[in-house]
Amino acid sequence: MPAAGTWVKMAVVTVATCVGGPALVYYVTPTEEELFKKYNPELQRRSLENRQARQQEFDDYVNKLKEWSRSDKQIWFAAEEMAEKARIEQKDKILDEQTKLAAEVERRRKEMRDSTVK
């Protein structure tokens, strides 16, 4: 059995590693503001312009996750159902637009026929 001094040394090394490692990473990692200041002016301008849109997209995604989690189904199945529903709505919207365009084309053809007959 090793001496008590060896146990104390190993305890100190363990604590230093377990506490010091993450502390070092925290100390060395730059903040978002420091990173932003290192951008060139063009990237800073672009980042500021897109910030609101990115925040809105993130908020929308979080709200969707909350909605999916309310379901008794697993989240990925709820997300799949929502995507399928969106695809069907998009398809219906496209069909409605095509129907309206076809009706408009037919109306114009009829107007042209009537105008040439007179």
PDB file of N, CA and C in Angstrom:
ATOM      1  N   MET A   1       0.843  -1.176   0.000  1.00  0.00           N
ATOM      2  CA  MET A   1       0.000   0.000   0.000  1.00  0.00           C
ATOM      3  C   MET A   1       0.894   1.246   0.000  1.00  0.00           C
ATOM      4  N   PRO A   2       0.592   2.212  -0.952  1.00  0.00           N
ATOM      5  CA  PRO A   2       1.411   3.416  -1.030  1.00  0.00           C
ATOM      6  C   PRO A   2       1.262   4.281   0.236  1.00  0.00           C
ATOM      7  N   ALA A   3       2.223   5.129   0.427  1.00  0.00           N
ATOM      8  CA  ALA A   3       2.205   6.016   1.589  1.00  0.00           C
ATOM      9  C   ALA A   3       1.116   7.067   1.450  1.00  0.00           C
ATOM     10  N   ALA A   4       0.778   7.696   2.547  1.00  0.00           N
ATOM     11  CA  ALA A   4      -0.282   8.711   2.573  1.00  0.00           C
ATOM     12  C   ALA A   4       0.093   9.906   1.705  1.00  0.00           C
ATOM     13  N   GLY A   5       1.377  10.220   1.638  1.00  0.00           N
ATOM     14  CA  GLY A   5       1.823  11.341   0.810  1.00  0.00           C
ATOM     15  C   GLY A   5       1.496  11.133  -0.658  1.00  0.00           C
ATOM     16  N   THR A   6       1.592   9.895  -1.138  1.00  0.00           N
ATOM     17  CA  THR A   6       1.261   9.583  -2.525  1.00  0.00           C
ATOM     18  C   THR A   6      -0.225   9.812  -2.780  1.00  0.00           C
ATOM     19  N   TRP A   7      -1.057   9.416  -1.805  1.00  0.00           N
ATOM     20  CA  TRP A   7      -2.503   9.619  -1.951  1.00  0.00           C
ATOM     21  C   TRP A   7      -2.826  11.114  -1.997  1.00  0.00           C
ATOM     22  N   VAL A   8      -2.172  11.891  -1.182  1.00  0.00           N
ATOM     23  CA  VAL A   8      -2.408  13.334  -1.169  1.00  0.00           C
ATOM     24  C   VAL A   8      -1.971  13.951  -2.495  1.00  0.00           C
ATOM     25  N   LYS A   9      -0.798  13.564  -2.995  1.00  0.00           N
ATOM     26  CA  LYS A   9      -0.322  14.076  -4.284  1.00  0.00           C
ATOM     27  C   LYS A   9      -1.310  13.751  -5.398  1.00  0.00           C
ATOM     28  N   MET A  10      -1.791  12.516  -5.437  1.00  0.00           N
ATOM     29  CA  MET A  10      -2.743  12.105  -6.488  1.00  0.00           C
ATOM     30  C   MET A  10      -4.067  12.854  -6.351  1.00  0.00           C
ATOM     31  N   ALA A  11      -4.491  13.106  -5.110  1.00  0.00           N
ATOM     32  CA  ALA A  11      -5.726  13.870  -4.900  1.00  0.00           C
ATOM     33  C   ALA A  11      -5.554  15.299  -5.413  1.00  0.00           C
ATOM     34  N   VAL A  12      -4.416  15.901  -5.151  1.00  0.00           N
ATOM     35  CA  VAL A  12      -4.154  17.269  -5.617  1.00  0.00           C
ATOM     36  C   VAL A  12      -4.107  17.302  -7.142  1.00  0.00           C
ATOM     37  N   VAL A  13      -3.423  16.333  -7.755  1.00  0.00           N
ATOM     38  CA  VAL A  13      -3.344  16.278  -9.219  1.00  0.00           C
ATOM     39  C   VAL A  13      -4.729  16.074  -9.819  1.00  0.00           C
ATOM     40  N   THR A  14      -5.525  15.211  -9.207  1.00  0.00           N
ATOM     41  CA  THR A  14      -6.882  14.959  -9.710  1.00  0.00           C
ATOM     42  C   THR A  14      -7.742  16.209  -9.636  1.00  0.00           C
ATOM     43  N   VAL A  15      -7.710  16.889  -8.502  1.00  0.00           N
ATOM     44  CA  VAL A  15      -8.494  18.121  -8.352  1.00  0.00           C
ATOM     45  C   VAL A  15      -7.999  19.186  -9.324  1.00  0.00           C
ATOM     46  N   ALA A  16      -6.685  19.319  -9.450  1.00  0.00           N
ATOM     47  CA  ALA A  16      -6.131  20.314 -10.371  1.00  0.00           C
ATOM     48  C   ALA A  16      -6.562  20.022 -11.799  1.00  0.00           C
ATOM     49  N   THR A  17      -6.571  18.754 -12.175  1.00  0.00           N
ATOM     50  CA  THR A  17      -6.975  18.386 -13.534  1.00  0.00           C
ATOM     51  C   THR A  17      -8.473  18.605 -13.745  1.00  0.00           C
ATOM     52  N   CYS A  18      -9.273  18.163 -12.783  1.00  0.00           N
ATOM     53  CA  CYS A  18     -10.734  18.239 -12.940  1.00  0.00           C
ATOM     54  C   CYS A  18     -11.249  19.672 -12.866  1.00  0.00           C
ATOM     55  N   VAL A  19     -10.600  20.495 -12.064  1.00  0.00           N
ATOM     56  CA  VAL A  19     -11.047  21.885 -11.922  1.00  0.00           C
ATOM     57  C   VAL A  19     -10.260  22.789 -12.866  1.00  0.00           C
ATOM     58  N   GLY A  20      -8.980  22.570 -12.980  1.00  0.00           N
ATOM     59  CA  GLY A  20      -8.136  23.445 -13.776  1.00  0.00           C
ATOM     60  C   GLY A  20      -8.359  23.339 -15.260  1.00  0.00           C
ATOM     61  N   GLY A  21      -8.650  22.140 -15.759  1.00  0.00           N
ATOM     62  CA  GLY A  21      -8.871  21.959 -17.198  1.00  0.00           C
ATOM     63  C   GLY A  21     -10.036  22.781 -17.717  1.00  0.00           C
ATOM     64  N   PRO A  22     -11.225  22.586 -17.154  1.00  0.00           N
ATOM     65  CA  PRO A  22     -12.356  23.408 -17.599  1.00  0.00           C
ATOM     66  C   PRO A  22     -12.152  24.893 -17.335  1.00  0.00           C
ATOM     67  N   ALA A  23     -11.484  25.240 -16.229  1.00  0.00           N
ATOM     68  CA  ALA A  23     -11.220  26.652 -15.948  1.00  0.00           C
ATOM     69  C   ALA A  23     -10.312  27.245 -17.019  1.00  0.00           C
ATOM     70  N   LEU A  24      -9.312  26.496 -17.444  1.00  0.00           N
ATOM     71  CA  LEU A  24      -8.419  26.973 -18.504  1.00  0.00           C
ATOM     72  C   LEU A  24      -9.180  27.172 -19.810  1.00  0.00           C
ATOM     73  N   VAL A  25     -10.033  26.220 -20.157  1.00  0.00           N
ATOM     74  CA  VAL A  25     -10.836  26.347 -21.379  1.00  0.00           C
ATOM     75  C   VAL A  25     -11.731  27.571 -21.297  1.00  0.00           C
ATOM     76  N   TYR A  26     -12.361  27.794 -20.162  1.00  0.00           N
ATOM     77  CA  TYR A  26     -13.227  28.958 -19.973  1.00  0.00           C
ATOM     78  C   TYR A  26     -12.427  30.250 -20.102  1.00  0.00           C
ATOM     79  N   TYR A  27     -11.218  30.262 -19.555  1.00  0.00           N
ATOM     80  CA  TYR A  27     -10.375  31.454 -19.590  1.00  0.00           C
ATOM     81  C   TYR A  27      -9.888  31.749 -21.008  1.00  0.00           C
ATOM     82  N   VAL A  28      -9.583  30.729 -21.783  1.00  0.00           N
ATOM     83  CA  VAL A  28      -8.991  30.916 -23.111  1.00  0.00           C
ATOM     84  C   VAL A  28     -10.047  31.189 -24.177  1.00  0.00           C
ATOM     85  N   THR A  29     -11.263  30.698 -23.995  1.00  0.00           N
ATOM     86  CA  THR A  29     -12.310  30.852 -25.005  1.00  0.00           C
ATOM     87  C   THR A  29     -12.761  32.312 -25.088  1.00  0.00           C
ATOM     88  N   PRO A  30     -12.740  32.916 -26.281  1.00  0.00           N
ATOM     89  CA  PRO A  30     -13.169  34.313 -26.415  1.00  0.00           C
ATOM     90  C   PRO A  30     -14.689  34.436 -26.333  1.00  0.00           C
ATOM     91  N   THR A  31     -15.153  35.591 -25.899  1.00  0.00           N
ATOM     92  CA  THR A  31     -16.590  35.844 -25.839  1.00  0.00           C
ATOM     93  C   THR A  31     -17.093  36.179 -27.243  1.00  0.00           C
ATOM     94  N   GLU A  32     -18.413  36.236 -27.383  1.00  0.00           N
ATOM     95  CA  GLU A  32     -18.991  36.574 -28.687  1.00  0.00           C
ATOM     96  C   GLU A  32     -18.597  37.985 -29.107  1.00  0.00           C
ATOM     97  N   GLU A  33     -18.553  38.903 -28.153  1.00  0.00           N
ATOM     98  CA  GLU A  33     -18.178  40.283 -28.489  1.00  0.00           C
ATOM     99  C   GLU A  33     -16.741  40.366 -28.975  1.00  0.00           C
ATOM    100  N   GLU A  34     -15.833  39.613 -28.328  1.00  0.00           N
ATOM    101  CA  GLU A  34     -14.442  39.613 -28.773  1.00  0.00           C
ATOM    102  C   GLU A  34     -14.309  39.042 -30.181  1.00  0.00           C
ATOM    103  N   LEU A  35     -15.046  37.994 -30.459  1.00  0.00           N
ATOM    104  CA  LEU A  35     -15.028  37.428 -31.820  1.00  0.00           C
ATOM    105  C   LEU A  35     -15.580  38.427 -32.822  1.00  0.00           C
ATOM    106  N   PHE A  36     -16.673  39.086 -32.451  1.00  0.00           N
ATOM    107  CA  PHE A  36     -17.317  40.041 -33.345  1.00  0.00           C
ATOM    108  C   PHE A  36     -16.367  41.192 -33.667  1.00  0.00           C
ATOM    109  N   LYS A  37     -15.617  41.658 -32.676  1.00  0.00           N
ATOM    110  CA  LYS A  37     -14.672  42.761 -32.902  1.00  0.00           C
ATOM    111  C   LYS A  37     -13.538  42.358 -33.845  1.00  0.00           C
ATOM    112  N   LYS A  38     -13.224  41.077 -33.903  1.00  0.00           N
ATOM    113  CA  LYS A  38     -12.147  40.604 -34.783  1.00  0.00           C
ATOM    114  C   LYS A  38     -12.607  40.452 -36.236  1.00  0.00           C
ATOM    115  N   TYR A  39     -13.934  40.478 -36.478  1.00  0.00           N
ATOM    116  CA  TYR A  39     -14.433  40.409 -37.850  1.00  0.00           C
ATOM    117  C   TYR A  39     -13.966  41.633 -38.617  1.00  0.00           C
ATOM    118  N   ASN A  40     -13.869  41.478 -39.944  1.00  0.00           N
ATOM    119  CA  ASN A  40     -13.618  42.677 -40.730  1.00  0.00           C
ATOM    120  C   ASN A  40     -14.937  43.454 -40.830  1.00  0.00           C
ATOM    121  N   PRO A  41     -14.906  44.731 -41.167  1.00  0.00           N
ATOM    122  CA  PRO A  41     -16.122  45.557 -41.151  1.00  0.00           C
ATOM    123  C   PRO A  41     -17.248  45.014 -42.031  1.00  0.00           C
ATOM    124  N   GLU A  42     -16.900  44.412 -43.163  1.00  0.00           N
ATOM    125  CA  GLU A  42     -17.935  43.866 -44.050  1.00  0.00           C
ATOM    126  C   GLU A  42     -18.688  42.728 -43.360  1.00  0.00           C
ATOM    127  N   LEU A  43     -17.951  41.827 -42.704  1.00  0.00           N
ATOM    128  CA  LEU A  43     -18.600  40.729 -41.981  1.00  0.00           C
ATOM    129  C   LEU A  43     -19.413  41.239 -40.805  1.00  0.00           C
ATOM    130  N   GLN A  44     -18.921  42.266 -40.132  1.00  0.00           N
ATOM    131  CA  GLN A  44     -19.688  42.843 -39.022  1.00  0.00           C
ATOM    132  C   GLN A  44     -21.011  43.398 -39.527  1.00  0.00           C
ATOM    133  N   ARG A  45     -20.959  44.120 -40.632  1.00  0.00           N
ATOM    134  CA  ARG A  45     -22.188  44.709 -41.188  1.00  0.00           C
ATOM    135  C   ARG A  45     -23.170  43.617 -41.591  1.00  0.00           C
ATOM    136  N   ARG A  46     -22.657  42.576 -42.286  1.00  0.00           N
ATOM    137  CA  ARG A  46     -23.517  41.480 -42.717  1.00  0.00           C
ATOM    138  C   ARG A  46     -24.116  40.731 -41.530  1.00  0.00           C
ATOM    139  N   SER A  47     -23.299  40.544 -40.505  1.00  0.00           N
ATOM    140  CA  SER A  47     -23.763  39.847 -39.312  1.00  0.00           C
ATOM    141  C   SER A  47     -24.873  40.637 -38.627  1.00  0.00           C
ATOM    142  N   LEU A  48     -24.703  41.943 -38.541  1.00  0.00           N
ATOM    143  CA  LEU A  48     -25.747  42.778 -37.924  1.00  0.00           C
ATOM    144  C   LEU A  48     -27.026  42.773 -38.746  1.00  0.00           C
ATOM    145  N   GLU A  49     -26.894  42.773 -40.073  1.00  0.00           N
ATOM    146  CA  GLU A  49     -28.080  42.762 -40.932  1.00  0.00           C
ATOM    147  C   GLU A  49     -28.865  41.462 -40.785  1.00  0.00           C
ATOM    148  N   ASN A  50     -28.152  40.340 -40.656  1.00  0.00           N
ATOM    149  CA  ASN A  50     -28.812  39.034 -40.608  1.00  0.00           C
ATOM    150  C   ASN A  50     -29.186  38.595 -39.202  1.00  0.00           C
ATOM    151  N   ARG A  51     -28.798  39.354 -38.203  1.00  0.00           N
ATOM    152  CA  ARG A  51     -29.023  38.940 -36.815  1.00  0.00           C
ATOM    153  C   ARG A  51     -30.513  38.755 -36.517  1.00  0.00           C
ATOM    154  N   GLN A  52     -31.331  39.725 -36.893  1.00  0.00           N
ATOM    155  CA  GLN A  52     -32.764  39.658 -36.587  1.00  0.00           C
ATOM    156  C   GLN A  52     -33.404  38.451 -37.269  1.00  0.00           C
ATOM    157  N   ALA A  53     -33.039  38.194 -38.510  1.00  0.00           N
ATOM    158  CA  ALA A  53     -33.610  37.058 -39.239  1.00  0.00           C
ATOM    159  C   ALA A  53     -33.205  35.736 -38.588  1.00  0.00           C
ATOM    160  N   ARG A  54     -31.936  35.627 -38.186  1.00  0.00           N
ATOM    161  CA  ARG A  54     -31.479  34.395 -37.540  1.00  0.00           C
ATOM    162  C   ARG A  54     -32.169  34.184 -36.197  1.00  0.00           C
ATOM    163  N   GLN A  55     -32.352  35.269 -35.437  1.00  0.00           N
ATOM    164  CA  GLN A  55     -33.044  35.146 -34.155  1.00  0.00           C
ATOM    165  C   GLN A  55     -34.495  34.718 -34.367  1.00  0.00           C
ATOM    166  N   GLN A  56     -35.142  35.255 -35.399  1.00  0.00           N
ATOM    167  CA  GLN A  56     -36.520  34.882 -35.682  1.00  0.00           C
ATOM    168  C   GLN A  56     -36.612  33.422 -36.099  1.00  0.00           C
ATOM    169  N   GLU A  57     -35.672  32.958 -36.939  1.00  0.00           N
ATOM    170  CA  GLU A  57     -35.664  31.555 -37.350  1.00  0.00           C
ATOM    171  C   GLU A  57     -35.478  30.642 -36.145  1.00  0.00           C
ATOM    172  N   PHE A  58     -34.586  31.028 -35.240  1.00  0.00           N
ATOM    173  CA  PHE A  58     -34.347  30.225 -34.048  1.00  0.00           C
ATOM    174  C   PHE A  58     -35.596  30.186 -33.166  1.00  0.00           C
ATOM    175  N   ASP A  59     -36.250  31.342 -32.987  1.00  0.00           N
ATOM    176  CA  ASP A  59     -37.470  31.385 -32.186  1.00  0.00           C
ATOM    177  C   ASP A  59     -38.562  30.523 -32.805  1.00  0.00           C
ATOM    178  N   ASP A  60     -38.699  30.583 -34.127  1.00  0.00           N
ATOM    179  CA  ASP A  60     -39.686  29.755 -34.807  1.00  0.00           C
ATOM    180  C   ASP A  60     -39.397  28.273 -34.594  1.00  0.00           C
ATOM    181  N   TYR A  61     -38.128  27.909 -34.699  1.00  0.00           N
ATOM    182  CA  TYR A  61     -37.747  26.511 -34.513  1.00  0.00           C
ATOM    183  C   TYR A  61     -38.029  26.048 -33.088  1.00  0.00           C
ATOM    184  N   VAL A  62     -37.710  26.891 -32.106  1.00  0.00           N
ATOM    185  CA  VAL A  62     -37.978  26.530 -30.704  1.00  0.00           C
ATOM    186  C   VAL A  62     -39.484  26.387 -30.473  1.00  0.00           C
ATOM    187  N   ASN A  63     -40.265  27.269 -31.072  1.00  0.00           N
ATOM    188  CA  ASN A  63     -41.720  27.169 -30.923  1.00  0.00           C
ATOM    189  C   ASN A  63     -42.247  25.887 -31.562  1.00  0.00           C
ATOM    190  N   LYS A  64     -41.676  25.506 -32.711  1.00  0.00           N
ATOM    191  CA  LYS A  64     -42.080  24.247 -33.338  1.00  0.00           C
ATOM    192  C   LYS A  64     -41.722  23.064 -32.448  1.00  0.00           C
ATOM    193  N   LEU A  65     -40.530  23.104 -31.855  1.00  0.00           N
ATOM    194  CA  LEU A  65     -40.131  22.027 -30.948  1.00  0.00           C
ATOM    195  C   LEU A  65     -41.087  21.928 -29.763  1.00  0.00           C
ATOM    196  N   LYS A  66     -41.488  23.063 -29.227  1.00  0.00           N
ATOM    197  CA  LYS A  66     -42.434  23.058 -28.111  1.00  0.00           C
ATOM    198  C   LYS A  66     -43.761  22.458 -28.544  1.00  0.00           C
ATOM    199  N   GLU A  67     -44.199  22.826 -29.739  1.00  0.00           N
ATOM    200  CA  GLU A  67     -45.465  22.291 -30.256  1.00  0.00           C
ATOM    201  C   GLU A  67     -45.369  20.780 -30.457  1.00  0.00           C
ATOM    202  N   TRP A  68     -44.254  20.326 -31.015  1.00  0.00           N
ATOM    203  CA  TRP A  68     -44.075  18.897 -31.250  1.00  0.00           C
ATOM    204  C   TRP A  68     -43.978  18.132 -29.934  1.00  0.00           C
ATOM    205  N   SER A  69     -43.387  18.745 -28.927  1.00  0.00           N
ATOM    206  CA  SER A  69     -43.227  18.041 -27.650  1.00  0.00           C
ATOM    207  C   SER A  69     -44.553  17.912 -26.906  1.00  0.00           C
ATOM    208  N   ARG A  70     -45.530  18.769 -27.211  1.00  0.00           N
ATOM    209  CA  ARG A  70     -46.849  18.650 -26.579  1.00  0.00           C
ATOM    210  C   ARG A  70     -47.582  17.400 -27.038  1.00  0.00           C
ATOM    211  N   SER A  71     -47.226  16.911 -28.210  1.00  0.00           N
ATOM    212  CA  SER A  71     -47.868  15.721 -28.749  1.00  0.00           C
ATOM    213  C   SER A  71     -47.447  14.505 -27.929  1.00  0.00           C
ATOM    214  N   ASP A  72     -48.304  13.479 -27.920  1.00  0.00           N
ATOM    215  CA  ASP A  72     -47.953  12.263 -27.202  1.00  0.00           C
ATOM    216  C   ASP A  72     -47.001  11.390 -28.023  1.00  0.00           C
ATOM    217  N   LYS A  73     -46.734  11.801 -29.252  1.00  0.00           N
ATOM    218  CA  LYS A  73     -45.819  11.057 -30.119  1.00  0.00           C
ATOM    219  C   LYS A  73     -44.398  11.552 -29.896  1.00  0.00           C
ATOM    220  N   GLN A  74     -43.446  10.785 -30.425  1.00  0.00           N
ATOM    221  CA  GLN A  74     -42.061  11.220 -30.356  1.00  0.00           C
ATOM    222  C   GLN A  74     -41.865  12.425 -31.266  1.00  0.00           C
ATOM    223  N   ILE A  75     -40.890  13.258 -30.918  1.00  0.00           N
ATOM    224  CA  ILE A  75     -40.712  14.538 -31.606  1.00  0.00           C
ATOM    225  C   ILE A  75     -40.467  14.354 -33.092  1.00  0.00           C
ATOM    226  N   TRP A  76     -39.649  13.382 -33.476  1.00  0.00           N
ATOM    227  CA  TRP A  76     -39.336  13.258 -34.903  1.00  0.00           C
ATOM    228  C   TRP A  76     -40.538  12.791 -35.704  1.00  0.00           C
ATOM    229  N   PHE A  77     -41.439  12.002 -35.068  1.00  0.00           N
ATOM    230  CA  PHE A  77     -42.661  11.611 -35.785  1.00  0.00           C
ATOM    231  C   PHE A  77     -43.598  12.812 -35.925  1.00  0.00           C
ATOM    232  N   ALA A  78     -43.699  13.609 -34.874  1.00  0.00           N
ATOM    233  CA  ALA A  78     -44.528  14.814 -34.945  1.00  0.00           C
ATOM    234  C   ALA A  78     -43.970  15.775 -35.993  1.00  0.00           C
ATOM    235  N   ALA A  79     -42.646  15.904 -36.044  1.00  0.00           N
ATOM    236  CA  ALA A  79     -42.020  16.785 -37.047  1.00  0.00           C
ATOM    237  C   ALA A  79     -42.281  16.260 -38.457  1.00  0.00           C
ATOM    238  N   GLU A  80     -42.217  14.943 -38.617  1.00  0.00           N
ATOM    239  CA  GLU A  80     -42.475  14.348 -39.929  1.00  0.00           C
ATOM    240  C   GLU A  80     -43.917  14.598 -40.362  1.00  0.00           C
ATOM    241  N   GLU A  81     -44.854  14.461 -39.427  1.00  0.00           N
ATOM    242  CA  GLU A  81     -46.257  14.735 -39.744  1.00  0.00           C
ATOM    243  C   GLU A  81     -46.444  16.194 -40.146  1.00  0.00           C
ATOM    244  N   MET A  82     -45.788  17.105 -39.401  1.00  0.00           N
ATOM    245  CA  MET A  82     -45.914  18.529 -39.703  1.00  0.00           C
ATOM    246  C   MET A  82     -45.340  18.819 -41.088  1.00  0.00           C
ATOM    247  N   ALA A  83     -44.214  18.201 -41.426  1.00  0.00           N
ATOM    248  CA  ALA A  83     -43.613  18.411 -42.744  1.00  0.00           C
ATOM    249  C   ALA A  83     -44.525  17.864 -43.844  1.00  0.00           C
ATOM    250  N   GLU A  84     -45.125  16.718 -43.599  1.00  0.00           N
ATOM    251  CA  GLU A  84     -46.047  16.137 -44.590  1.00  0.00           C
ATOM    252  C   GLU A  84     -47.263  17.042 -44.782  1.00  0.00           C
ATOM    253  N   LYS A  85     -47.768  17.575 -43.681  1.00  0.00           N
ATOM    254  CA  LYS A  85     -48.916  18.483 -43.757  1.00  0.00           C
ATOM    255  C   LYS A  85     -48.541  19.737 -44.543  1.00  0.00           C
ATOM    256  N   ALA A  86     -47.338  20.260 -44.314  1.00  0.00           N
ATOM    257  CA  ALA A  86     -46.878  21.447 -45.041  1.00  0.00           C
ATOM    258  C   ALA A  86     -46.719  21.141 -46.527  1.00  0.00           C
ATOM    259  N   ARG A  87     -46.206  19.934 -46.852  1.00  0.00           N
ATOM    260  CA  ARG A  87     -46.072  19.547 -48.259  1.00  0.00           C
ATOM    261  C   ARG A  87     -47.433  19.471 -48.943  1.00  0.00           C
ATOM    262  N   ILE A  88     -48.405  18.894 -48.247  1.00  0.00           N
ATOM    263  CA  ILE A  88     -49.747  18.784 -48.821  1.00  0.00           C
ATOM    264  C   ILE A  88     -50.354  20.167 -49.032  1.00  0.00           C
ATOM    265  N   GLU A  89     -50.193  21.063 -48.048  1.00  0.00           N
ATOM    266  CA  GLU A  89     -50.717  22.423 -48.192  1.00  0.00           C
ATOM    267  C   GLU A  89     -50.048  23.142 -49.357  1.00  0.00           C
ATOM    268  N   GLN A  90     -48.740  22.956 -49.508  1.00  0.00           N
ATOM    269  CA  GLN A  90     -48.020  23.580 -50.610  1.00  0.00           C
ATOM    270  C   GLN A  90     -48.525  23.044 -51.953  1.00  0.00           C
ATOM    271  N   LYS A  91     -48.748  21.729 -51.997  1.00  0.00           N
ATOM    272  CA  LYS A  91     -49.241  21.123 -53.225  1.00  0.00           C
ATOM    273  C   LYS A  91     -50.638  21.652 -53.561  1.00  0.00           C
ATOM    274  N   ASP A  92     -51.507  21.764 -52.551  1.00  0.00           N
ATOM    275  CA  ASP A  92     -52.842  22.307 -52.768  1.00  0.00           C
ATOM    276  C   ASP A  92     -52.783  23.759 -53.245  1.00  0.00           C
ATOM    277  N   LYS A  93     -51.872  24.522 -52.656  1.00  0.00           N
ATOM    278  CA  LYS A  93     -51.723  25.922 -53.051  1.00  0.00           C
ATOM    279  C   LYS A  93     -51.289  26.021 -54.512  1.00  0.00           C
ATOM    280  N   ILE A  94     -50.348  25.175 -54.912  1.00  0.00           N
ATOM    281  CA  ILE A  94     -49.876  25.181 -56.302  1.00  0.00           C
ATOM    282  C   ILE A  94     -51.003  24.777 -57.251  1.00  0.00           C
ATOM    283  N   LEU A  95     -51.779  23.767 -56.860  1.00  0.00           N
ATOM    284  CA  LEU A  95     -52.900  23.345 -57.707  1.00  0.00           C
ATOM    285  C   LEU A  95     -53.938  24.452 -57.847  1.00  0.00           C
ATOM    286  N   ASP A  96     -54.226  25.171 -56.758  1.00  0.00           N
ATOM    287  CA  ASP A  96     -55.162  26.287 -56.825  1.00  0.00           C
ATOM    288  C   ASP A  96     -54.658  27.376 -57.768  1.00  0.00           C
ATOM    289  N   GLU A  97     -53.370  27.687 -57.664  1.00  0.00           N
ATOM    290  CA  GLU A  97     -52.789  28.702 -58.551  1.00  0.00           C
ATOM    291  C   GLU A  97     -52.862  28.263 -60.007  1.00  0.00           C
ATOM    292  N   GLN A  98     -52.575  27.000 -60.263  1.00  0.00           N
ATOM    293  CA  GLN A  98     -52.635  26.500 -61.636  1.00  0.00           C
ATOM    294  C   GLN A  98     -54.069  26.542 -62.164  1.00  0.00           C
ATOM    295  N   THR A  99     -55.015  26.207 -61.302  1.00  0.00           N
ATOM    296  CA  THR A  99     -56.420  26.263 -61.719  1.00  0.00           C
ATOM    297  C   THR A  99     -56.827  27.692 -62.048  1.00  0.00           C
ATOM    298  N   LYS A 100     -56.404  28.637 -61.213  1.00  0.00           N
ATOM    299  CA  LYS A 100     -56.728  30.041 -61.470  1.00  0.00           C
ATOM    300  C   LYS A 100     -56.074  30.517 -62.767  1.00  0.00           C
ATOM    301  N   LEU A 101     -54.820  30.125 -62.986  1.00  0.00           N
ATOM    302  CA  LEU A 101     -54.143  30.519 -64.215  1.00  0.00           C
ATOM    303  C   LEU A 101     -54.824  29.922 -65.443  1.00  0.00           C
ATOM    304  N   ALA A 102     -55.230  28.662 -65.335  1.00  0.00           N
ATOM    305  CA  ALA A 102     -55.923  28.021 -66.455  1.00  0.00           C
ATOM    306  C   ALA A 102     -57.248  28.732 -66.746  1.00  0.00           C
ATOM    307  N   ALA A 103     -57.966  29.103 -65.689  1.00  0.00           N
ATOM    308  CA  ALA A 103     -59.230  29.821 -65.877  1.00  0.00           C
ATOM    309  C   ALA A 103     -58.968  31.185 -66.516  1.00  0.00           C
ATOM    310  N   GLU A 104     -57.908  31.877 -66.101  1.00  0.00           N
ATOM    311  CA  GLU A 104     -57.574  33.178 -66.670  1.00  0.00           C
ATOM    312  C   GLU A 104     -57.197  33.038 -68.147  1.00  0.00           C
ATOM    313  N   VAL A 105     -56.420  32.006 -68.474  1.00  0.00           N
ATOM    314  CA  VAL A 105     -56.041  31.775 -69.869  1.00  0.00           C
ATOM    315  C   VAL A 105     -57.283  31.500 -70.707  1.00  0.00           C
ATOM    316  N   GLU A 106     -58.163  30.689 -70.189  1.00  0.00           N
ATOM    317  CA  GLU A 106     -59.391  30.364 -70.923  1.00  0.00           C
ATOM    318  C   GLU A 106     -60.258  31.606 -71.112  1.00  0.00           C
ATOM    319  N   ARG A 107     -60.327  32.454 -70.071  1.00  0.00           N
ATOM    320  CA  ARG A 107     -61.116  33.688 -70.174  1.00  0.00           C
ATOM    321  C   ARG A 107     -60.525  34.603 -71.252  1.00  0.00           C
ATOM    322  N   ARG A 108     -59.201  34.712 -71.275  1.00  0.00           N
ATOM    323  CA  ARG A 108     -58.561  35.564 -72.281  1.00  0.00           C
ATOM    324  C   ARG A 108     -58.763  35.011 -73.696  1.00  0.00           C
ATOM    325  N   ARG A 109     -58.707  33.693 -73.826  1.00  0.00           N
ATOM    326  CA  ARG A 109     -58.952  33.084 -75.146  1.00  0.00           C
ATOM    327  C   ARG A 109     -60.362  33.409 -75.614  1.00  0.00           C
ATOM    328  N   LYS A 110     -61.306  33.309 -74.683  1.00  0.00           N
ATOM    329  CA  LYS A 110     -62.696  33.585 -75.043  1.00  0.00           C
ATOM    330  C   LYS A 110     -62.848  35.043 -75.434  1.00  0.00           C
ATOM    331  N   GLU A 111     -62.202  35.966 -74.717  1.00  0.00           N
ATOM    332  CA  GLU A 111     -62.250  37.380 -75.070  1.00  0.00           C
ATOM    333  C   GLU A 111     -61.652  37.615 -76.464  1.00  0.00           C
ATOM    334  N   MET A 112     -60.551  36.949 -76.735  1.00  0.00           N
ATOM    335  CA  MET A 112     -59.919  37.123 -78.046  1.00  0.00           C
ATOM    336  C   MET A 112     -60.824  36.585 -79.155  1.00  0.00           C
ATOM    337  N   ARG A 113     -61.471  35.452 -78.920  1.00  0.00           N
ATOM    338  CA  ARG A 113     -62.375  34.885 -79.926  1.00  0.00           C
ATOM    339  C   ARG A 113     -63.558  35.807 -80.164  1.00  0.00           C
ATOM    340  N   ASP A 114     -64.111  36.331 -79.043  1.00  0.00           N
ATOM    341  CA  ASP A 114     -65.261  37.208 -79.170  1.00  0.00           C
ATOM    342  C   ASP A 114     -64.894  38.526 -79.885  1.00  0.00           C
ATOM    343  N   SER A 115     -63.701  39.027 -79.632  1.00  0.00           N
ATOM    344  CA  SER A 115     -63.281  40.289 -80.253  1.00  0.00           C
ATOM    345  C   SER A 115     -63.018  40.102 -81.745  1.00  0.00           C
ATOM    346  N   THR A 116     -62.555  38.928 -82.172  1.00  0.00           N
ATOM    347  CA  THR A 116     -62.287  38.719 -83.573  1.00  0.00           C
ATOM    348  C   THR A 116     -63.565  38.408 -84.342  1.00  0.00           C
ATOM    349  N   VAL A 117     -64.576  37.880 -83.678  1.00  0.00           N
ATOM    350  CA  VAL A 117     -65.823  37.537 -84.329  1.00  0.00           C
ATOM    351  C   VAL A 117     -66.621  38.780 -84.656  1.00  0.00           C
ATOM    352  N   LYS A 118     -66.591  39.791 -83.878  1.00  0.00           N
ATOM    353  CA  LYS A 118     -67.391  41.009 -84.080  1.00  0.00           C
ATOM    354  C   LYS A 118     -66.971  41.774 -85.233  1.00  0.00           C
TER     355      LYS A 118
END
